[in-house]
Amino acid sequence: TSAPQANWTGSIDIISVIRNAFDPLIQITLSDATSAAQQHVGEKSSAIASFIHPVNGYLVYITYVIDANNQVIKVITDAGNGQILETSQMTIEEFMHKVHSGMKSMPRQMAMMGVMEK
């Protein structure tokens, strides 16, 4: 069991430290990664969610796109150079489970920043 948190703050906010460490390395914006993923999937596609997240030890954007056939395509884009690293298809049910169950298990601050998703 964990003890209740005390009502105090320290001098080093860990979220700020993590964010400041990554900021100079991230050369692609979330918006650019989302647009690239949508263009990669093709015409009449629509991005439905994007996150920045560490995967396999690398910081990447994960974008979920609905294609012209209403299939969900997961696109992984390198946060440093914008290269599309991987695409995979999933059902809408798999997408909903992934996004909603992942959000419940994330610390609140990380979910708000979009730093973690697995």
PDB file of N, CA and C in Angstrom:
ATOM      1  N   THR A   1       0.841  -1.183   0.000  1.00  0.00           N
ATOM      2  CA  THR A   1       0.000   0.000   0.000  1.00  0.00           C
ATOM      3  C   THR A   1       0.881   1.238   0.000  1.00  0.00           C
ATOM      4  N   SER A   2       0.386   2.288  -0.624  1.00  0.00           N
ATOM      5  CA  SER A   2       1.155   3.523  -0.654  1.00  0.00           C
ATOM      6  C   SER A   2       0.555   4.513   0.326  1.00  0.00           C
ATOM      7  N   ALA A   3       1.424   5.303   0.898  1.00  0.00           N
ATOM      8  CA  ALA A   3       0.988   6.314   1.853  1.00  0.00           C
ATOM      9  C   ALA A   3       0.340   7.467   1.102  1.00  0.00           C
ATOM     10  N   PRO A   4      -0.598   8.150   1.724  1.00  0.00           N
ATOM     11  CA  PRO A   4      -1.194   9.308   1.066  1.00  0.00           C
ATOM     12  C   PRO A   4      -0.115  10.357   0.788  1.00  0.00           C
ATOM     13  N   GLN A   5      -0.269  11.070  -0.333  1.00  0.00           N
ATOM     14  CA  GLN A   5       0.710  12.084  -0.677  1.00  0.00           C
ATOM     15  C   GLN A   5       0.560  13.292   0.236  1.00  0.00           C
ATOM     16  N   ALA A   6       1.712  13.791   0.673  1.00  0.00           N
ATOM     17  CA  ALA A   6       1.720  14.990   1.496  1.00  0.00           C
ATOM     18  C   ALA A   6       1.432  16.204   0.616  1.00  0.00           C
ATOM     19  N   ASN A   7       1.020  17.267   1.227  1.00  0.00           N
ATOM     20  CA  ASN A   7       0.697  18.483   0.494  1.00  0.00           C
ATOM     21  C   ASN A   7       1.918  19.402   0.461  1.00  0.00           C
ATOM     22  N   TRP A   8       2.937  19.013  -0.299  1.00  0.00           N
ATOM     23  CA  TRP A   8       4.136  19.827  -0.450  1.00  0.00           C
ATOM     24  C   TRP A   8       4.677  19.671  -1.862  1.00  0.00           C
ATOM     25  N   THR A   9       5.563  20.529  -2.250  1.00  0.00           N
ATOM     26  CA  THR A   9       6.213  20.427  -3.549  1.00  0.00           C
ATOM     27  C   THR A   9       7.715  20.558  -3.360  1.00  0.00           C
ATOM     28  N   GLY A  10       8.458  19.890  -4.235  1.00  0.00           N
ATOM     29  CA  GLY A  10       9.912  20.003  -4.220  1.00  0.00           C
ATOM     30  C   GLY A  10      10.361  21.069  -5.196  1.00  0.00           C
ATOM     31  N   SER A  11      11.665  21.159  -5.418  1.00  0.00           N
ATOM     32  CA  SER A  11      12.192  22.204  -6.291  1.00  0.00           C
ATOM     33  C   SER A  11      12.428  21.725  -7.721  1.00  0.00           C
ATOM     34  N   ILE A  12      12.386  20.409  -7.972  1.00  0.00           N
ATOM     35  CA  ILE A  12      12.631  19.886  -9.314  1.00  0.00           C
ATOM     36  C   ILE A  12      11.411  19.088  -9.754  1.00  0.00           C
ATOM     37  N   ASP A  13      10.702  19.631 -10.740  1.00  0.00           N
ATOM     38  CA  ASP A  13       9.531  18.967 -11.292  1.00  0.00           C
ATOM     39  C   ASP A  13      10.000  17.963 -12.345  1.00  0.00           C
ATOM     40  N   ILE A  14       9.799  16.681 -12.109  1.00  0.00           N
ATOM     41  CA  ILE A  14      10.315  15.626 -12.990  1.00  0.00           C
ATOM     42  C   ILE A  14       9.737  15.718 -14.400  1.00  0.00           C
ATOM     43  N   ILE A  15       8.492  16.102 -14.532  1.00  0.00           N
ATOM     44  CA  ILE A  15       7.888  16.236 -15.856  1.00  0.00           C
ATOM     45  C   ILE A  15       8.610  17.317 -16.653  1.00  0.00           C
ATOM     46  N   SER A  16       8.940  18.441 -16.017  1.00  0.00           N
ATOM     47  CA  SER A  16       9.683  19.506 -16.700  1.00  0.00           C
ATOM     48  C   SER A  16      11.070  19.034 -17.117  1.00  0.00           C
ATOM     49  N   VAL A  17      11.723  18.269 -16.260  1.00  0.00           N
ATOM     50  CA  VAL A  17      13.055  17.751 -16.581  1.00  0.00           C
ATOM     51  C   VAL A  17      12.989  16.839 -17.804  1.00  0.00           C
ATOM     52  N   ILE A  18      12.015  15.943 -17.824  1.00  0.00           N
ATOM     53  CA  ILE A  18      11.866  15.021 -18.958  1.00  0.00           C
ATOM     54  C   ILE A  18      11.563  15.803 -20.227  1.00  0.00           C
ATOM     55  N   ARG A  19      10.634  16.719 -20.143  1.00  0.00           N
ATOM     56  CA  ARG A  19      10.248  17.513 -21.315  1.00  0.00           C
ATOM     57  C   ARG A  19      11.434  18.321 -21.837  1.00  0.00           C
ATOM     58  N   ASN A  20      12.163  18.992 -20.954  1.00  0.00           N
ATOM     59  CA  ASN A  20      13.312  19.801 -21.364  1.00  0.00           C
ATOM     60  C   ASN A  20      14.430  18.957 -21.965  1.00  0.00           C
ATOM     61  N   ALA A  21      14.573  17.728 -21.509  1.00  0.00           N
ATOM     62  CA  ALA A  21      15.610  16.844 -22.056  1.00  0.00           C
ATOM     63  C   ALA A  21      15.271  16.434 -23.488  1.00  0.00           C
ATOM     64  N   PHE A  22      13.988  16.220 -23.779  1.00  0.00           N
ATOM     65  CA  PHE A  22      13.576  15.769 -25.110  1.00  0.00           C
ATOM     66  C   PHE A  22      13.405  16.901 -26.112  1.00  0.00           C
ATOM     67  N   ASP A  23      12.987  18.074 -25.664  1.00  0.00           N
ATOM     68  CA  ASP A  23      12.646  19.168 -26.574  1.00  0.00           C
ATOM     69  C   ASP A  23      13.700  19.467 -27.641  1.00  0.00           C
ATOM     70  N   PRO A  24      14.995  19.546 -27.322  1.00  0.00           N
ATOM     71  CA  PRO A  24      15.966  19.862 -28.373  1.00  0.00           C
ATOM     72  C   PRO A  24      16.122  18.739 -29.416  1.00  0.00           C
ATOM     73  N   LEU A  25      15.745  17.529 -29.052  1.00  0.00           N
ATOM     74  CA  LEU A  25      15.917  16.383 -29.944  1.00  0.00           C
ATOM     75  C   LEU A  25      14.725  16.169 -30.871  1.00  0.00           C
ATOM     76  N   ILE A  26      13.577  16.677 -30.481  1.00  0.00           N
ATOM     77  CA  ILE A  26      12.361  16.488 -31.267  1.00  0.00           C
ATOM     78  C   ILE A  26      12.339  17.537 -32.383  1.00  0.00           C
ATOM     79  N   GLN A  27      12.537  17.081 -33.603  1.00  0.00           N
ATOM     80  CA  GLN A  27      12.606  17.984 -34.749  1.00  0.00           C
ATOM     81  C   GLN A  27      11.294  18.051 -35.530  1.00  0.00           C
ATOM     82  N   ILE A  28      10.379  17.148 -35.256  1.00  0.00           N
ATOM     83  CA  ILE A  28       9.112  17.063 -35.968  1.00  0.00           C
ATOM     84  C   ILE A  28       7.994  17.381 -34.973  1.00  0.00           C
ATOM     85  N   THR A  29       7.061  18.223 -35.374  1.00  0.00           N
ATOM     86  CA  THR A  29       5.939  18.544 -34.489  1.00  0.00           C
ATOM     87  C   THR A  29       4.892  17.432 -34.543  1.00  0.00           C
ATOM     88  N   LEU A  30       4.065  17.393 -33.543  1.00  0.00           N
ATOM     89  CA  LEU A  30       2.951  16.439 -33.525  1.00  0.00           C
ATOM     90  C   LEU A  30       2.057  16.663 -34.736  1.00  0.00           C
ATOM     91  N   SER A  31       1.811  17.903 -35.048  1.00  0.00           N
ATOM     92  CA  SER A  31       0.975  18.229 -36.205  1.00  0.00           C
ATOM     93  C   SER A  31       1.588  17.716 -37.511  1.00  0.00           C
ATOM     94  N   ASP A  32       2.902  17.914 -37.685  1.00  0.00           N
ATOM     95  CA  ASP A  32       3.578  17.436 -38.902  1.00  0.00           C
ATOM     96  C   ASP A  32       3.575  15.911 -38.979  1.00  0.00           C
ATOM     97  N   ALA A  33       3.797  15.252 -37.849  1.00  0.00           N
ATOM     98  CA  ALA A  33       3.787  13.786 -37.827  1.00  0.00           C
ATOM     99  C   ALA A  33       2.393  13.254 -38.156  1.00  0.00           C
ATOM    100  N   THR A  34       1.377  13.919 -37.640  1.00  0.00           N
ATOM    101  CA  THR A  34       0.000  13.512 -37.913  1.00  0.00           C
ATOM    102  C   THR A  34      -0.326  13.679 -39.395  1.00  0.00           C
ATOM    103  N   SER A  35       0.056  14.806 -39.964  1.00  0.00           N
ATOM    104  CA  SER A  35      -0.167  15.042 -41.396  1.00  0.00           C
ATOM    105  C   SER A  35       0.580  14.028 -42.252  1.00  0.00           C
ATOM    106  N   ALA A  36       1.827  13.734 -41.898  1.00  0.00           N
ATOM    107  CA  ALA A  36       2.624  12.761 -42.655  1.00  0.00           C
ATOM    108  C   ALA A  36       1.994  11.374 -42.598  1.00  0.00           C
ATOM    109  N   ALA A  37       1.492  10.988 -41.432  1.00  0.00           N
ATOM    110  CA  ALA A  37       0.856   9.680 -41.285  1.00  0.00           C
ATOM    111  C   ALA A  37      -0.400   9.603 -42.141  1.00  0.00           C
ATOM    112  N   GLN A  38      -1.179  10.664 -42.115  1.00  0.00           N
ATOM    113  CA  GLN A  38      -2.411  10.693 -42.894  1.00  0.00           C
ATOM    114  C   GLN A  38      -2.097  10.630 -44.387  1.00  0.00           C
ATOM    115  N   GLN A  39      -1.105  11.369 -44.851  1.00  0.00           N
ATOM    116  CA  GLN A  39      -0.703  11.325 -46.264  1.00  0.00           C
ATOM    117  C   GLN A  39      -0.161   9.956 -46.635  1.00  0.00           C
ATOM    118  N   HIS A  40       0.558   9.327 -45.703  1.00  0.00           N
ATOM    119  CA  HIS A  40       1.122   7.996 -45.944  1.00  0.00           C
ATOM    120  C   HIS A  40       0.013   6.963 -46.157  1.00  0.00           C
ATOM    121  N   VAL A  41      -1.052   7.073 -45.385  1.00  0.00           N
ATOM    122  CA  VAL A  41      -2.164   6.124 -45.502  1.00  0.00           C
ATOM    123  C   VAL A  41      -2.929   6.355 -46.805  1.00  0.00           C
ATOM    124  N   GLY A  42      -3.073   7.613 -47.226  1.00  0.00           N
ATOM    125  CA  GLY A  42      -3.682   7.866 -48.528  1.00  0.00           C
ATOM    126  C   GLY A  42      -4.874   8.794 -48.503  1.00  0.00           C
ATOM    127  N   GLU A  43      -5.400   9.016 -49.720  1.00  0.00           N
ATOM    128  CA  GLU A  43      -6.545   9.902 -49.879  1.00  0.00           C
ATOM    129  C   GLU A  43      -7.747   9.407 -49.079  1.00  0.00           C
ATOM    130  N   LYS A  44      -8.563  10.345 -48.712  1.00  0.00           N
ATOM    131  CA  LYS A  44      -9.793  10.078 -47.961  1.00  0.00           C
ATOM    132  C   LYS A  44      -9.518   9.403 -46.616  1.00  0.00           C
ATOM    133  N   SER A  45      -8.323   9.615 -46.068  1.00  0.00           N
ATOM    134  CA  SER A  45      -8.017   9.097 -44.738  1.00  0.00           C
ATOM    135  C   SER A  45      -8.149  10.239 -43.738  1.00  0.00           C
ATOM    136  N   SER A  46      -8.297   9.874 -42.485  1.00  0.00           N
ATOM    137  CA  SER A  46      -8.475  10.870 -41.442  1.00  0.00           C
ATOM    138  C   SER A  46      -7.770  10.420 -40.169  1.00  0.00           C
ATOM    139  N   ALA A  47      -6.905  11.266 -39.639  1.00  0.00           N
ATOM    140  CA  ALA A  47      -6.229  10.959 -38.385  1.00  0.00           C
ATOM    141  C   ALA A  47      -7.228  11.083 -37.239  1.00  0.00           C
ATOM    142  N   ILE A  48      -7.217  10.096 -36.344  1.00  0.00           N
ATOM    143  CA  ILE A  48      -8.164  10.134 -35.224  1.00  0.00           C
ATOM    144  C   ILE A  48      -7.476  10.284 -33.870  1.00  0.00           C
ATOM    145  N   ALA A  49      -6.153  10.044 -33.809  1.00  0.00           N
ATOM    146  CA  ALA A  49      -5.411  10.234 -32.561  1.00  0.00           C
ATOM    147  C   ALA A  49      -3.921  10.221 -32.853  1.00  0.00           C
ATOM    148  N   SER A  50      -3.174  11.039 -32.112  1.00  0.00           N
ATOM    149  CA  SER A  50      -1.712  11.057 -32.210  1.00  0.00           C
ATOM    150  C   SER A  50      -1.129  11.258 -30.827  1.00  0.00           C
ATOM    151  N   PHE A  51      -0.015  10.569 -30.575  1.00  0.00           N
ATOM    152  CA  PHE A  51       0.672  10.651 -29.295  1.00  0.00           C
ATOM    153  C   PHE A  51       2.170  10.637 -29.539  1.00  0.00           C
ATOM    154  N   ILE A  52       2.925  11.210 -28.631  1.00  0.00           N
ATOM    155  CA  ILE A  52       4.367  11.008 -28.639  1.00  0.00           C
ATOM    156  C   ILE A  52       4.649  10.015 -27.521  1.00  0.00           C
ATOM    157  N   HIS A  53       5.532   9.055 -27.805  1.00  0.00           N
ATOM    158  CA  HIS A  53       5.689   7.938 -26.883  1.00  0.00           C
ATOM    159  C   HIS A  53       7.012   7.219 -27.133  1.00  0.00           C
ATOM    160  N   PRO A  54       7.653   6.725 -26.080  1.00  0.00           N
ATOM    161  CA  PRO A  54       8.839   5.897 -26.304  1.00  0.00           C
ATOM    162  C   PRO A  54       8.444   4.479 -26.707  1.00  0.00           C
ATOM    163  N   VAL A  55       9.025   3.982 -27.800  1.00  0.00           N
ATOM    164  CA  VAL A  55       8.792   2.614 -28.264  1.00  0.00           C
ATOM    165  C   VAL A  55      10.148   2.020 -28.633  1.00  0.00           C
ATOM    166  N   ASN A  56      10.424   0.825 -28.166  1.00  0.00           N
ATOM    167  CA  ASN A  56      11.691   0.145 -28.444  1.00  0.00           C
ATOM    168  C   ASN A  56      12.898   1.007 -28.082  1.00  0.00           C
ATOM    169  N   GLY A  57      12.747   1.867 -27.088  1.00  0.00           N
ATOM    170  CA  GLY A  57      13.858   2.709 -26.648  1.00  0.00           C
ATOM    171  C   GLY A  57      14.022   3.989 -27.454  1.00  0.00           C
ATOM    172  N   TYR A  58      13.068   4.311 -28.343  1.00  0.00           N
ATOM    173  CA  TYR A  58      13.144   5.510 -29.174  1.00  0.00           C
ATOM    174  C   TYR A  58      11.874   6.332 -29.026  1.00  0.00           C
ATOM    175  N   LEU A  59      12.026   7.642 -29.115  1.00  0.00           N
ATOM    176  CA  LEU A  59      10.870   8.517 -29.030  1.00  0.00           C
ATOM    177  C   LEU A  59      10.240   8.640 -30.414  1.00  0.00           C
ATOM    178  N   VAL A  60       8.972   8.287 -30.508  1.00  0.00           N
ATOM    179  CA  VAL A  60       8.258   8.285 -31.785  1.00  0.00           C
ATOM    180  C   VAL A  60       6.870   8.878 -31.588  1.00  0.00           C
ATOM    181  N   TYR A  61       6.262   9.224 -32.708  1.00  0.00           N
ATOM    182  CA  TYR A  61       4.851   9.579 -32.712  1.00  0.00           C
ATOM    183  C   TYR A  61       4.076   8.355 -33.157  1.00  0.00           C
ATOM    184  N   ILE A  62       2.985   8.098 -32.483  1.00  0.00           N
ATOM    185  CA  ILE A  62       2.070   7.038 -32.887  1.00  0.00           C
ATOM    186  C   ILE A  62       0.781   7.736 -33.308  1.00  0.00           C
ATOM    187  N   THR A  63       0.410   7.534 -34.567  1.00  0.00           N
ATOM    188  CA  THR A  63      -0.792   8.155 -35.107  1.00  0.00           C
ATOM    189  C   THR A  63      -1.730   7.064 -35.590  1.00  0.00           C
ATOM    190  N   TYR A  64      -2.985   7.191 -35.228  1.00  0.00           N
ATOM    191  CA  TYR A  64      -4.013   6.265 -35.683  1.00  0.00           C
ATOM    192  C   TYR A  64      -4.825   6.980 -36.758  1.00  0.00           C
ATOM    193  N   VAL A  65      -4.946   6.336 -37.917  1.00  0.00           N
ATOM    194  CA  VAL A  65      -5.601   6.930 -39.072  1.00  0.00           C
ATOM    195  C   VAL A  65      -6.685   5.975 -39.563  1.00  0.00           C
ATOM    196  N   ILE A  66      -7.846   6.507 -39.898  1.00  0.00           N
ATOM    197  CA  ILE A  66      -8.903   5.719 -40.543  1.00  0.00           C
ATOM    198  C   ILE A  66      -8.699   5.881 -42.045  1.00  0.00           C
ATOM    199  N   ASP A  67      -8.592   4.767 -42.771  1.00  0.00           N
ATOM    200  CA  ASP A  67      -8.379   4.843 -44.222  1.00  0.00           C
ATOM    201  C   ASP A  67      -9.713   4.908 -44.967  1.00  0.00           C
ATOM    202  N   ALA A  68      -9.641   4.924 -46.284  1.00  0.00           N
ATOM    203  CA  ALA A  68     -10.837   5.044 -47.123  1.00  0.00           C
ATOM    204  C   ALA A  68     -11.796   3.864 -46.948  1.00  0.00           C
ATOM    205  N   ASN A  69     -11.295   2.726 -46.426  1.00  0.00           N
ATOM    206  CA  ASN A  69     -12.126   1.539 -46.204  1.00  0.00           C
ATOM    207  C   ASN A  69     -12.574   1.415 -44.750  1.00  0.00           C
ATOM    208  N   ASN A  70     -12.425   2.488 -43.987  1.00  0.00           N
ATOM    209  CA  ASN A  70     -12.795   2.525 -42.563  1.00  0.00           C
ATOM    210  C   ASN A  70     -12.004   1.553 -41.705  1.00  0.00           C
ATOM    211  N   GLN A  71     -10.778   1.274 -42.101  1.00  0.00           N
ATOM    212  CA  GLN A  71      -9.866   0.466 -41.301  1.00  0.00           C
ATOM    213  C   GLN A  71      -8.947   1.404 -40.521  1.00  0.00           C
ATOM    214  N   VAL A  72      -8.566   1.014 -39.309  1.00  0.00           N
ATOM    215  CA  VAL A  72      -7.638   1.818 -38.513  1.00  0.00           C
ATOM    216  C   VAL A  72      -6.215   1.380 -38.838  1.00  0.00           C
ATOM    217  N   ILE A  73      -5.389   2.348 -39.184  1.00  0.00           N
ATOM    218  CA  ILE A  73      -3.980   2.098 -39.476  1.00  0.00           C
ATOM    219  C   ILE A  73      -3.157   2.819 -38.418  1.00  0.00           C
ATOM    220  N   LYS A  74      -2.285   2.072 -37.751  1.00  0.00           N
ATOM    221  CA  LYS A  74      -1.371   2.645 -36.767  1.00  0.00           C
ATOM    222  C   LYS A  74      -0.077   2.978 -37.503  1.00  0.00           C
ATOM    223  N   VAL A  75       0.336   4.250 -37.430  1.00  0.00           N
ATOM    224  CA  VAL A  75       1.543   4.703 -38.116  1.00  0.00           C
ATOM    225  C   VAL A  75       2.531   5.189 -37.060  1.00  0.00           C
ATOM    226  N   ILE A  76       3.754   4.667 -37.109  1.00  0.00           N
ATOM    227  CA  ILE A  76       4.810   5.090 -36.192  1.00  0.00           C
ATOM    228  C   ILE A  76       5.796   5.942 -36.974  1.00  0.00           C
ATOM    229  N   THR A  77       6.016   7.166 -36.472  1.00  0.00           N
ATOM    230  CA  THR A  77       6.877   8.142 -37.135  1.00  0.00           C
ATOM    231  C   THR A  77       7.999   8.560 -36.199  1.00  0.00           C
ATOM    232  N   ASP A  78       9.227   8.592 -36.710  1.00  0.00           N
ATOM    233  CA  ASP A  78      10.391   9.020 -35.935  1.00  0.00           C
ATOM    234  C   ASP A  78      10.242  10.488 -35.546  1.00  0.00           C
ATOM    235  N   ALA A  79      10.384  10.804 -34.257  1.00  0.00           N
ATOM    236  CA  ALA A  79      10.232  12.176 -33.775  1.00  0.00           C
ATOM    237  C   ALA A  79      11.429  13.050 -34.129  1.00  0.00           C
ATOM    238  N   GLY A  80      12.539  12.432 -34.478  1.00  0.00           N
ATOM    239  CA  GLY A  80      13.735  13.202 -34.806  1.00  0.00           C
ATOM    240  C   GLY A  80      13.841  13.593 -36.261  1.00  0.00           C
ATOM    241  N   ASN A  81      13.396  12.703 -37.176  1.00  0.00           N
ATOM    242  CA  ASN A  81      13.579  13.008 -38.600  1.00  0.00           C
ATOM    243  C   ASN A  81      12.306  12.880 -39.436  1.00  0.00           C
ATOM    244  N   GLY A  82      11.198  12.478 -38.842  1.00  0.00           N
ATOM    245  CA  GLY A  82       9.930  12.396 -39.555  1.00  0.00           C
ATOM    246  C   GLY A  82       9.748  11.170 -40.421  1.00  0.00           C
ATOM    247  N   GLN A  83      10.698  10.242 -40.387  1.00  0.00           N
ATOM    248  CA  GLN A  83      10.596   9.028 -41.200  1.00  0.00           C
ATOM    249  C   GLN A  83       9.482   8.128 -40.672  1.00  0.00           C
ATOM    250  N   ILE A  84       8.672   7.596 -41.584  1.00  0.00           N
ATOM    251  CA  ILE A  84       7.656   6.604 -41.202  1.00  0.00           C
ATOM    252  C   ILE A  84       8.400   5.297 -40.952  1.00  0.00           C
ATOM    253  N   LEU A  85       8.296   4.782 -39.746  1.00  0.00           N
ATOM    254  CA  LEU A  85       9.033   3.577 -39.358  1.00  0.00           C
ATOM    255  C   LEU A  85       8.221   2.299 -39.511  1.00  0.00           C
ATOM    256  N   GLU A  86       6.912   2.408 -39.303  1.00  0.00           N
ATOM    257  CA  GLU A  86       6.085   1.195 -39.325  1.00  0.00           C
ATOM    258  C   GLU A  86       4.620   1.569 -39.515  1.00  0.00           C
ATOM    259  N   THR A  87       3.887   0.712 -40.193  1.00  0.00           N
ATOM    260  CA  THR A  87       2.433   0.829 -40.252  1.00  0.00           C
ATOM    261  C   THR A  87       1.849  -0.546 -39.965  1.00  0.00           C
ATOM    262  N   SER A  88       0.709  -0.553 -39.312  1.00  0.00           N
ATOM    263  CA  SER A  88       0.012  -1.814 -39.070  1.00  0.00           C
ATOM    264  C   SER A  88      -1.482  -1.537 -38.992  1.00  0.00           C
ATOM    265  N   GLN A  89      -2.255  -2.520 -39.392  1.00  0.00           N
ATOM    266  CA  GLN A  89      -3.708  -2.391 -39.414  1.00  0.00           C
ATOM    267  C   GLN A  89      -4.291  -2.978 -38.147  1.00  0.00           C
ATOM    268  N   MET A  90      -5.370  -2.392 -37.674  1.00  0.00           N
ATOM    269  CA  MET A  90      -6.072  -2.912 -36.508  1.00  0.00           C
ATOM    270  C   MET A  90      -7.556  -2.636 -36.672  1.00  0.00           C
ATOM    271  N   THR A  91      -8.358  -3.342 -35.911  1.00  0.00           N
ATOM    272  CA  THR A  91      -9.797  -3.099 -35.949  1.00  0.00           C
ATOM    273  C   THR A  91     -10.120  -1.873 -35.099  1.00  0.00           C
ATOM    274  N   ILE A  92     -11.288  -1.320 -35.314  1.00  0.00           N
ATOM    275  CA  ILE A  92     -11.725  -0.184 -34.502  1.00  0.00           C
ATOM    276  C   ILE A  92     -11.850  -0.596 -33.036  1.00  0.00           C
ATOM    277  N   GLU A  93     -12.232  -1.846 -32.792  1.00  0.00           N
ATOM    278  CA  GLU A  93     -12.340  -2.349 -31.417  1.00  0.00           C
ATOM    279  C   GLU A  93     -10.968  -2.401 -30.753  1.00  0.00           C
ATOM    280  N   GLU A  94      -9.955  -2.876 -31.494  1.00  0.00           N
ATOM    281  CA  GLU A  94      -8.588  -2.903 -30.956  1.00  0.00           C
ATOM    282  C   GLU A  94      -8.102  -1.488 -30.658  1.00  0.00           C
ATOM    283  N   PHE A  95      -8.395  -0.562 -31.552  1.00  0.00           N
ATOM    284  CA  PHE A  95      -8.014   0.833 -31.340  1.00  0.00           C
ATOM    285  C   PHE A  95      -8.662   1.383 -30.071  1.00  0.00           C
ATOM    286  N   MET A  96      -9.970   1.193 -29.934  1.00  0.00           N
ATOM    287  CA  MET A  96     -10.680   1.715 -28.768  1.00  0.00           C
ATOM    288  C   MET A  96     -10.131   1.129 -27.471  1.00  0.00           C
ATOM    289  N   HIS A  97      -9.863  -0.175 -27.482  1.00  0.00           N
ATOM    290  CA  HIS A  97      -9.296  -0.809 -26.294  1.00  0.00           C
ATOM    291  C   HIS A  97      -7.912  -0.251 -25.995  1.00  0.00           C
ATOM    292  N   LYS A  98      -7.094  -0.117 -27.006  1.00  0.00           N
ATOM    293  CA  LYS A  98      -5.724   0.374 -26.848  1.00  0.00           C
ATOM    294  C   LYS A  98      -5.714   1.781 -26.264  1.00  0.00           C
ATOM    295  N   VAL A  99      -6.489   2.664 -26.848  1.00  0.00           N
ATOM    296  CA  VAL A  99      -6.487   4.056 -26.414  1.00  0.00           C
ATOM    297  C   VAL A  99      -7.124   4.209 -25.038  1.00  0.00           C
ATOM    298  N   HIS A 100      -8.262   3.592 -24.820  1.00  0.00           N
ATOM    299  CA  HIS A 100      -8.954   3.795 -23.551  1.00  0.00           C
ATOM    300  C   HIS A 100      -8.318   3.044 -22.398  1.00  0.00           C
ATOM    301  N   SER A 101      -7.835   1.839 -22.602  1.00  0.00           N
ATOM    302  CA  SER A 101      -7.183   1.127 -21.499  1.00  0.00           C
ATOM    303  C   SER A 101      -5.816   1.720 -21.216  1.00  0.00           C
ATOM    304  N   GLY A 102      -5.132   2.213 -22.236  1.00  0.00           N
ATOM    305  CA  GLY A 102      -3.829   2.839 -22.040  1.00  0.00           C
ATOM    306  C   GLY A 102      -3.926   4.124 -21.251  1.00  0.00           C
ATOM    307  N   MET A 103      -4.955   4.912 -21.487  1.00  0.00           N
ATOM    308  CA  MET A 103      -5.127   6.180 -20.786  1.00  0.00           C
ATOM    309  C   MET A 103      -5.404   5.966 -19.305  1.00  0.00           C
ATOM    310  N   LYS A 104      -6.102   4.895 -18.953  1.00  0.00           N
ATOM    311  CA  LYS A 104      -6.421   4.644 -17.549  1.00  0.00           C
ATOM    312  C   LYS A 104      -5.170   4.313 -16.746  1.00  0.00           C
ATOM    313  N   SER A 105      -4.192   3.663 -17.383  1.00  0.00           N
ATOM    314  CA  SER A 105      -3.026   3.211 -16.635  1.00  0.00           C
ATOM    315  C   SER A 105      -1.911   4.238 -16.590  1.00  0.00           C
ATOM    316  N   MET A 106      -2.019   5.340 -17.336  1.00  0.00           N
ATOM    317  CA  MET A 106      -0.974   6.350 -17.366  1.00  0.00           C
ATOM    318  C   MET A 106      -1.086   7.306 -16.191  1.00  0.00           C
ATOM    319  N   PRO A 107       0.065   7.739 -15.690  1.00  0.00           N
ATOM    320  CA  PRO A 107       0.003   8.830 -14.717  1.00  0.00           C
ATOM    321  C   PRO A 107      -0.641  10.040 -15.393  1.00  0.00           C
ATOM    322  N   ARG A 108      -1.415  10.791 -14.661  1.00  0.00           N
ATOM    323  CA  ARG A 108      -2.177  11.913 -15.230  1.00  0.00           C
ATOM    324  C   ARG A 108      -1.305  12.902 -15.994  1.00  0.00           C
ATOM    325  N   GLN A 109      -0.163  13.280 -15.425  1.00  0.00           N
ATOM    326  CA  GLN A 109       0.677  14.274 -16.079  1.00  0.00           C
ATOM    327  C   GLN A 109       1.226  13.742 -17.401  1.00  0.00           C
ATOM    328  N   MET A 110       1.600  12.467 -17.449  1.00  0.00           N
ATOM    329  CA  MET A 110       2.156  11.891 -18.667  1.00  0.00           C
ATOM    330  C   MET A 110       1.091  11.806 -19.743  1.00  0.00           C
ATOM    331  N   ALA A 111      -0.122  11.459 -19.371  1.00  0.00           N
ATOM    332  CA  ALA A 111      -1.203  11.377 -20.343  1.00  0.00           C
ATOM    333  C   ALA A 111      -1.479  12.752 -20.924  1.00  0.00           C
ATOM    334  N   MET A 112      -1.454  13.767 -20.105  1.00  0.00           N
ATOM    335  CA  MET A 112      -1.727  15.119 -20.578  1.00  0.00           C
ATOM    336  C   MET A 112      -0.637  15.594 -21.522  1.00  0.00           C
ATOM    337  N   MET A 113       0.602  15.197 -21.273  1.00  0.00           N
ATOM    338  CA  MET A 113       1.708  15.594 -22.134  1.00  0.00           C
ATOM    339  C   MET A 113       1.765  14.745 -23.388  1.00  0.00           C
ATOM    340  N   GLY A 114       1.150  13.554 -23.355  1.00  0.00           N
ATOM    341  CA  GLY A 114       1.256  12.657 -24.484  1.00  0.00           C
ATOM    342  C   GLY A 114       2.601  11.963 -24.526  1.00  0.00           C
ATOM    343  N   VAL A 115       3.253  11.823 -23.378  1.00  0.00           N
ATOM    344  CA  VAL A 115       4.598  11.261 -23.335  1.00  0.00           C
ATOM    345  C   VAL A 115       4.590   9.751 -23.376  1.00  0.00           C
ATOM    346  N   MET A 116       3.584   9.114 -22.800  1.00  0.00           N
ATOM    347  CA  MET A 116       3.614   7.653 -22.702  1.00  0.00           C
ATOM    348  C   MET A 116       2.353   7.028 -23.283  1.00  0.00           C
ATOM    349  N   GLU A 117       2.532   5.895 -23.939  1.00  0.00           N
ATOM    350  CA  GLU A 117       1.424   5.069 -24.428  1.00  0.00           C
ATOM    351  C   GLU A 117       2.035   3.743 -24.826  1.00  0.00           C
ATOM    352  N   LYS A 118       1.433   2.651 -24.521  1.00  0.00           N
ATOM    353  CA  LYS A 118       2.013   1.337 -24.858  1.00  0.00           C
ATOM    354  C   LYS A 118       0.943   0.379 -25.240  1.00  0.00           C
TER     355      LYS A 118
END
